[in-house]
N, C-alpha and C. Protein backbone atom coordinates (compact mmCIF):
# COMPACT_ATOMS: atom_id res chain seq x y z
N MET A 1 -55.10 43.53 -51.11
CA MET A 1 -54.30 44.65 -50.69
C MET A 1 -55.24 45.79 -50.29
N ILE A 2 -54.90 46.45 -49.21
CA ILE A 2 -55.76 47.51 -48.68
C ILE A 2 -55.92 48.67 -49.66
N ASN A 3 -54.92 48.89 -50.51
CA ASN A 3 -55.02 49.98 -51.50
C ASN A 3 -56.23 49.81 -52.40
N LEU A 4 -56.60 48.59 -52.71
CA LEU A 4 -57.73 48.34 -53.60
C LEU A 4 -59.07 48.68 -52.95
N LEU A 5 -59.07 48.86 -51.63
CA LEU A 5 -60.30 49.19 -50.91
C LEU A 5 -60.39 50.68 -50.60
N SER A 6 -59.38 51.43 -50.98
CA SER A 6 -59.29 52.85 -50.62
C SER A 6 -59.67 53.75 -51.77
N TYR A 7 -60.11 54.96 -51.44
CA TYR A 7 -60.39 55.97 -52.45
C TYR A 7 -59.12 56.72 -52.83
N PHE A 8 -58.26 56.97 -51.85
CA PHE A 8 -56.99 57.61 -52.12
C PHE A 8 -56.01 57.30 -51.01
N TYR A 9 -54.75 57.63 -51.24
CA TYR A 9 -53.66 57.30 -50.34
C TYR A 9 -53.03 58.60 -49.86
N LEU A 10 -52.86 58.74 -48.57
CA LEU A 10 -52.24 59.94 -48.01
C LEU A 10 -50.79 59.63 -47.66
N ASP A 11 -49.90 60.25 -48.36
CA ASP A 11 -48.48 60.07 -48.11
C ASP A 11 -48.12 60.80 -46.81
N THR A 12 -47.17 60.25 -46.06
CA THR A 12 -46.79 60.86 -44.79
C THR A 12 -45.85 62.05 -45.02
N PHE A 13 -45.88 62.96 -44.06
CA PHE A 13 -44.97 64.10 -44.09
C PHE A 13 -43.59 63.67 -43.61
N THR A 14 -42.59 64.30 -44.09
CA THR A 14 -41.18 64.15 -43.74
C THR A 14 -40.53 62.83 -44.16
N TRP A 15 -41.28 61.75 -44.27
CA TRP A 15 -40.70 60.48 -44.73
C TRP A 15 -41.67 59.87 -45.72
N SER A 16 -41.45 60.17 -46.96
CA SER A 16 -42.36 59.81 -48.04
C SER A 16 -42.34 58.31 -48.32
N GLY A 17 -43.44 57.83 -48.86
CA GLY A 17 -43.51 56.42 -49.23
C GLY A 17 -42.60 56.12 -50.41
N GLY A 18 -41.96 54.98 -50.38
CA GLY A 18 -41.18 54.50 -51.51
C GLY A 18 -41.92 53.33 -52.12
N ASN A 19 -41.66 52.14 -51.61
CA ASN A 19 -42.36 50.95 -52.10
C ASN A 19 -43.86 51.05 -51.88
N THR A 20 -44.27 51.63 -50.76
CA THR A 20 -45.69 51.77 -50.46
C THR A 20 -46.38 52.60 -51.53
N SER A 21 -45.75 53.68 -51.94
CA SER A 21 -46.33 54.53 -52.98
C SER A 21 -46.34 53.81 -54.33
N LEU A 22 -45.27 53.10 -54.64
CA LEU A 22 -45.23 52.36 -55.90
C LEU A 22 -46.32 51.29 -55.95
N GLU A 23 -46.56 50.63 -54.82
CA GLU A 23 -47.63 49.64 -54.76
C GLU A 23 -48.99 50.30 -54.97
N ALA A 24 -49.21 51.44 -54.34
CA ALA A 24 -50.47 52.16 -54.50
C ALA A 24 -50.67 52.59 -55.95
N ILE A 25 -49.63 53.08 -56.58
CA ILE A 25 -49.72 53.50 -57.98
C ILE A 25 -50.03 52.31 -58.88
N SER A 26 -49.38 51.18 -58.61
CA SER A 26 -49.59 50.01 -59.46
C SER A 26 -51.00 49.45 -59.35
N CYS A 27 -51.71 49.76 -58.27
CA CYS A 27 -53.09 49.30 -58.09
C CYS A 27 -54.11 50.15 -58.86
N ASN A 28 -53.66 51.24 -59.44
CA ASN A 28 -54.53 52.22 -60.10
C ASN A 28 -55.39 52.98 -59.09
N LEU A 29 -55.55 52.48 -57.95
CA LEU A 29 -56.21 53.15 -56.85
C LEU A 29 -55.30 52.99 -55.67
N PRO A 30 -55.19 53.88 -54.84
CA PRO A 30 -55.84 55.18 -54.90
C PRO A 30 -54.93 56.24 -55.52
N THR A 31 -55.51 57.39 -55.75
CA THR A 31 -54.66 58.51 -56.11
C THR A 31 -53.85 58.84 -54.87
N ILE A 32 -52.74 59.46 -55.03
CA ILE A 32 -51.85 59.73 -53.90
C ILE A 32 -51.75 61.24 -53.67
N VAL A 33 -51.92 61.62 -52.40
CA VAL A 33 -51.73 63.01 -52.01
C VAL A 33 -50.41 63.08 -51.24
N THR A 34 -49.54 63.99 -51.65
CA THR A 34 -48.25 64.13 -50.98
C THR A 34 -47.90 65.60 -50.82
N CYS A 35 -47.01 65.87 -49.90
CA CYS A 35 -46.46 67.21 -49.71
C CYS A 35 -44.96 67.02 -49.53
N PRO A 36 -44.18 67.32 -50.56
CA PRO A 36 -42.75 67.03 -50.52
C PRO A 36 -42.04 67.74 -49.37
N GLY A 37 -41.11 67.02 -48.75
CA GLY A 37 -40.34 67.57 -47.65
C GLY A 37 -39.05 68.21 -48.14
N GLU A 38 -38.27 68.64 -47.19
CA GLU A 38 -37.01 69.32 -47.49
C GLU A 38 -35.94 68.35 -47.98
N PHE A 39 -35.96 67.13 -47.45
CA PHE A 39 -34.92 66.16 -47.76
C PHE A 39 -35.43 65.09 -48.73
N MET A 40 -34.51 64.34 -49.32
CA MET A 40 -34.87 63.31 -50.29
C MET A 40 -35.90 62.33 -49.73
N ARG A 41 -35.74 61.93 -48.46
CA ARG A 41 -36.65 60.95 -47.86
C ARG A 41 -38.10 61.42 -47.87
N GLY A 42 -38.32 62.69 -48.04
CA GLY A 42 -39.68 63.24 -48.08
C GLY A 42 -40.12 63.62 -49.48
N ARG A 43 -39.40 63.12 -50.50
CA ARG A 43 -39.71 63.54 -51.87
C ARG A 43 -39.90 62.39 -52.84
N HIS A 44 -39.88 61.15 -52.36
CA HIS A 44 -40.02 59.99 -53.26
C HIS A 44 -41.34 60.04 -54.03
N THR A 45 -42.44 60.14 -53.30
CA THR A 45 -43.75 60.12 -53.94
C THR A 45 -43.92 61.31 -54.88
N ASP A 46 -43.41 62.44 -54.47
CA ASP A 46 -43.44 63.65 -55.31
C ASP A 46 -42.78 63.34 -56.66
N SER A 47 -41.64 62.67 -56.64
CA SER A 47 -40.93 62.32 -57.88
C SER A 47 -41.71 61.32 -58.72
N PHE A 48 -42.32 60.32 -58.07
CA PHE A 48 -43.13 59.35 -58.81
C PHE A 48 -44.28 60.04 -59.52
N LEU A 49 -44.97 60.92 -58.80
CA LEU A 49 -46.12 61.61 -59.40
C LEU A 49 -45.68 62.52 -60.55
N LYS A 50 -44.55 63.15 -60.41
CA LYS A 50 -44.05 64.01 -61.50
C LYS A 50 -43.70 63.18 -62.73
N LEU A 51 -43.10 62.00 -62.53
CA LEU A 51 -42.81 61.12 -63.66
C LEU A 51 -44.10 60.70 -64.37
N LEU A 52 -45.16 60.51 -63.58
CA LEU A 52 -46.45 60.13 -64.15
C LEU A 52 -47.17 61.31 -64.81
N GLY A 53 -46.65 62.52 -64.59
CA GLY A 53 -47.33 63.71 -65.10
C GLY A 53 -48.58 64.03 -64.29
N MET A 54 -48.59 63.62 -63.02
CA MET A 54 -49.76 63.76 -62.15
C MET A 54 -49.43 64.67 -60.98
N THR A 55 -49.40 65.95 -61.23
CA THR A 55 -49.03 66.91 -60.17
C THR A 55 -50.24 67.47 -59.42
N TYR A 56 -51.43 67.04 -59.78
CA TYR A 56 -52.67 67.58 -59.19
C TYR A 56 -52.77 67.31 -57.70
N THR A 57 -52.13 66.25 -57.23
CA THR A 57 -52.25 65.89 -55.82
C THR A 57 -50.94 66.09 -55.06
N ILE A 58 -50.07 66.95 -55.60
CA ILE A 58 -48.85 67.33 -54.89
C ILE A 58 -49.14 68.67 -54.22
N ALA A 59 -49.20 68.64 -52.90
CA ALA A 59 -49.53 69.84 -52.14
C ALA A 59 -48.31 70.74 -51.96
N LYS A 60 -48.57 72.03 -51.85
CA LYS A 60 -47.51 73.00 -51.62
C LYS A 60 -47.20 73.16 -50.14
N ASN A 61 -48.19 72.87 -49.30
CA ASN A 61 -48.05 73.00 -47.85
C ASN A 61 -49.14 72.18 -47.17
N GLU A 62 -49.18 72.19 -45.84
CA GLU A 62 -50.15 71.38 -45.10
C GLU A 62 -51.60 71.78 -45.41
N HIS A 63 -51.86 73.07 -45.54
CA HIS A 63 -53.21 73.54 -45.84
C HIS A 63 -53.66 73.01 -47.20
N ASP A 64 -52.79 73.11 -48.18
CA ASP A 64 -53.08 72.61 -49.53
C ASP A 64 -53.31 71.10 -49.51
N TYR A 65 -52.53 70.39 -48.71
CA TYR A 65 -52.66 68.93 -48.55
C TYR A 65 -54.07 68.58 -48.08
N ILE A 66 -54.55 69.30 -47.08
CA ILE A 66 -55.90 69.06 -46.54
C ILE A 66 -56.96 69.40 -47.58
N GLU A 67 -56.78 70.50 -48.30
CA GLU A 67 -57.74 70.90 -49.34
C GLU A 67 -57.84 69.84 -50.44
N ILE A 68 -56.71 69.30 -50.85
CA ILE A 68 -56.72 68.24 -51.87
C ILE A 68 -57.44 67.01 -51.34
N ASP A 69 -57.15 66.64 -50.08
CA ASP A 69 -57.82 65.49 -49.45
C ASP A 69 -59.33 65.66 -49.47
N ILE A 70 -59.78 66.83 -49.08
CA ILE A 70 -61.22 67.11 -49.03
C ILE A 70 -61.84 67.02 -50.42
N LYS A 71 -61.17 67.62 -51.41
CA LYS A 71 -61.69 67.59 -52.77
C LYS A 71 -61.78 66.15 -53.29
N LEU A 72 -60.75 65.34 -53.02
CA LEU A 72 -60.79 63.94 -53.45
C LEU A 72 -61.94 63.18 -52.78
N GLY A 73 -62.18 63.51 -51.51
CA GLY A 73 -63.25 62.84 -50.78
C GLY A 73 -64.64 63.26 -51.23
N LEU A 74 -64.80 64.50 -51.64
CA LEU A 74 -66.12 65.02 -51.98
C LEU A 74 -66.43 65.08 -53.47
N ASP A 75 -65.43 64.92 -54.30
CA ASP A 75 -65.62 65.05 -55.75
C ASP A 75 -65.22 63.75 -56.46
N PRO A 76 -66.14 62.78 -56.51
CA PRO A 76 -65.79 61.48 -57.10
C PRO A 76 -65.42 61.57 -58.58
N ASP A 77 -65.98 62.53 -59.32
CA ASP A 77 -65.64 62.67 -60.74
C ASP A 77 -64.18 63.11 -60.91
N TRP A 78 -63.74 64.06 -60.09
CA TRP A 78 -62.35 64.52 -60.15
C TRP A 78 -61.42 63.38 -59.76
N ARG A 79 -61.77 62.68 -58.68
CA ARG A 79 -60.95 61.55 -58.23
C ARG A 79 -60.84 60.49 -59.32
N LYS A 80 -61.96 60.17 -59.98
CA LYS A 80 -61.96 59.17 -61.04
C LYS A 80 -61.10 59.62 -62.22
N SER A 81 -61.17 60.89 -62.57
CA SER A 81 -60.37 61.38 -63.70
C SER A 81 -58.88 61.29 -63.39
N ILE A 82 -58.49 61.53 -62.15
CA ILE A 82 -57.09 61.41 -61.77
C ILE A 82 -56.64 59.96 -61.82
N VAL A 83 -57.47 59.06 -61.32
CA VAL A 83 -57.15 57.63 -61.34
C VAL A 83 -56.96 57.17 -62.79
N GLU A 84 -57.84 57.58 -63.68
CA GLU A 84 -57.75 57.18 -65.09
C GLU A 84 -56.47 57.70 -65.73
N ARG A 85 -56.14 58.98 -65.49
CA ARG A 85 -54.93 59.57 -66.08
C ARG A 85 -53.68 58.89 -65.52
N MET A 86 -53.70 58.61 -64.20
CA MET A 86 -52.56 57.94 -63.59
C MET A 86 -52.34 56.57 -64.21
N SER A 87 -53.42 55.84 -64.38
CA SER A 87 -53.35 54.50 -64.96
C SER A 87 -52.81 54.54 -66.39
N GLN A 88 -53.23 55.53 -67.16
CA GLN A 88 -52.78 55.66 -68.54
C GLN A 88 -51.29 56.02 -68.65
N ASN A 89 -50.73 56.57 -67.56
CA ASN A 89 -49.33 57.02 -67.58
C ASN A 89 -48.38 56.08 -66.83
N HIS A 90 -48.84 54.91 -66.43
CA HIS A 90 -47.97 53.97 -65.70
C HIS A 90 -46.66 53.71 -66.42
N HIS A 91 -46.70 53.64 -67.74
CA HIS A 91 -45.49 53.35 -68.50
C HIS A 91 -44.38 54.37 -68.24
N ARG A 92 -44.75 55.60 -67.93
CA ARG A 92 -43.75 56.64 -67.67
C ARG A 92 -42.92 56.32 -66.43
N LEU A 93 -43.52 55.63 -65.49
CA LEU A 93 -42.84 55.29 -64.25
C LEU A 93 -42.26 53.88 -64.28
N PHE A 94 -43.08 52.91 -64.63
CA PHE A 94 -42.67 51.52 -64.53
C PHE A 94 -41.85 51.01 -65.72
N ASP A 95 -41.89 51.70 -66.84
CA ASP A 95 -41.12 51.28 -68.02
C ASP A 95 -39.98 52.23 -68.35
N ASP A 96 -39.70 53.18 -67.47
CA ASP A 96 -38.64 54.16 -67.70
C ASP A 96 -37.27 53.49 -67.56
N LYS A 97 -36.47 53.53 -68.61
CA LYS A 97 -35.16 52.87 -68.63
C LYS A 97 -34.01 53.84 -68.37
N ASN A 98 -34.30 55.12 -68.16
CA ASN A 98 -33.23 56.10 -67.97
C ASN A 98 -32.33 55.77 -66.79
N CYS A 99 -32.90 55.38 -65.66
CA CYS A 99 -32.07 55.09 -64.49
C CYS A 99 -31.25 53.82 -64.71
N VAL A 100 -31.78 52.84 -65.43
CA VAL A 100 -31.04 51.61 -65.72
C VAL A 100 -29.86 51.93 -66.63
N THR A 101 -30.08 52.72 -67.64
CA THR A 101 -29.02 53.12 -68.57
C THR A 101 -27.94 53.91 -67.85
N ALA A 102 -28.34 54.82 -66.97
CA ALA A 102 -27.37 55.63 -66.22
C ALA A 102 -26.54 54.76 -65.28
N LEU A 103 -27.17 53.80 -64.62
CA LEU A 103 -26.45 52.91 -63.72
C LEU A 103 -25.47 52.03 -64.50
N GLU A 104 -25.89 51.58 -65.66
CA GLU A 104 -25.03 50.78 -66.52
C GLU A 104 -23.79 51.59 -66.94
N ALA A 105 -23.99 52.84 -67.33
CA ALA A 105 -22.88 53.70 -67.73
C ALA A 105 -21.93 53.94 -66.56
N PHE A 106 -22.48 54.10 -65.36
CA PHE A 106 -21.66 54.28 -64.17
C PHE A 106 -20.78 53.06 -63.93
N TYR A 107 -21.38 51.88 -63.97
CA TYR A 107 -20.61 50.65 -63.76
C TYR A 107 -19.52 50.48 -64.82
N GLN A 108 -19.83 50.79 -66.04
CA GLN A 108 -18.83 50.68 -67.10
C GLN A 108 -17.67 51.63 -66.84
N GLU A 109 -17.96 52.82 -66.38
CA GLU A 109 -16.92 53.80 -66.07
C GLU A 109 -16.07 53.34 -64.88
N VAL A 110 -16.69 52.76 -63.87
CA VAL A 110 -15.95 52.25 -62.71
C VAL A 110 -15.01 51.13 -63.14
N VAL A 111 -15.50 50.21 -63.94
CA VAL A 111 -14.66 49.12 -64.42
C VAL A 111 -13.51 49.67 -65.26
N LYS A 112 -13.80 50.58 -66.15
CA LYS A 112 -12.77 51.17 -67.02
C LYS A 112 -11.70 51.87 -66.18
N THR A 113 -12.12 52.65 -65.19
CA THR A 113 -11.19 53.35 -64.31
C THR A 113 -10.36 52.36 -63.50
N SER A 114 -11.01 51.34 -62.99
CA SER A 114 -10.33 50.31 -62.21
C SER A 114 -9.26 49.60 -63.04
N LEU A 115 -9.57 49.30 -64.28
CA LEU A 115 -8.61 48.64 -65.17
C LEU A 115 -7.43 49.56 -65.48
N LEU A 116 -7.71 50.84 -65.67
CA LEU A 116 -6.63 51.81 -65.95
C LEU A 116 -5.71 51.94 -64.74
N LEU A 117 -6.27 51.96 -63.55
CA LEU A 117 -5.47 52.13 -62.33
C LEU A 117 -4.64 50.89 -62.03
N SER A 118 -5.15 49.72 -62.42
CA SER A 118 -4.43 48.49 -62.13
C SER A 118 -3.36 48.16 -63.18
N SER A 119 -3.32 48.92 -64.28
CA SER A 119 -2.31 48.65 -65.32
C SER A 119 -1.01 49.35 -65.06
């Protein structure tokens, strides 16, 4: 996978990575730089990084995005520390059961409502 050959991953503007970002995170490399957009489609990676507790590479704007990119490229110790912290926090993202539990509760409510309406 190309992610294993990279130092970091640059998320696209306006249409954030979904599966692509999850694959990059699961490889432990690279760290991901993102700048959340206005709409949900531009905020996936931002949410993944927040779940991981890794907000260091979430840019506030395009200038900040470039500054983070430069720092990751020129400061291997900082980049390595982010990769290590991200790896240690994988469980926060990949083992999180909150969305599964919420979806289960939703389905149970739909079935319950459907049964009440059909009686």
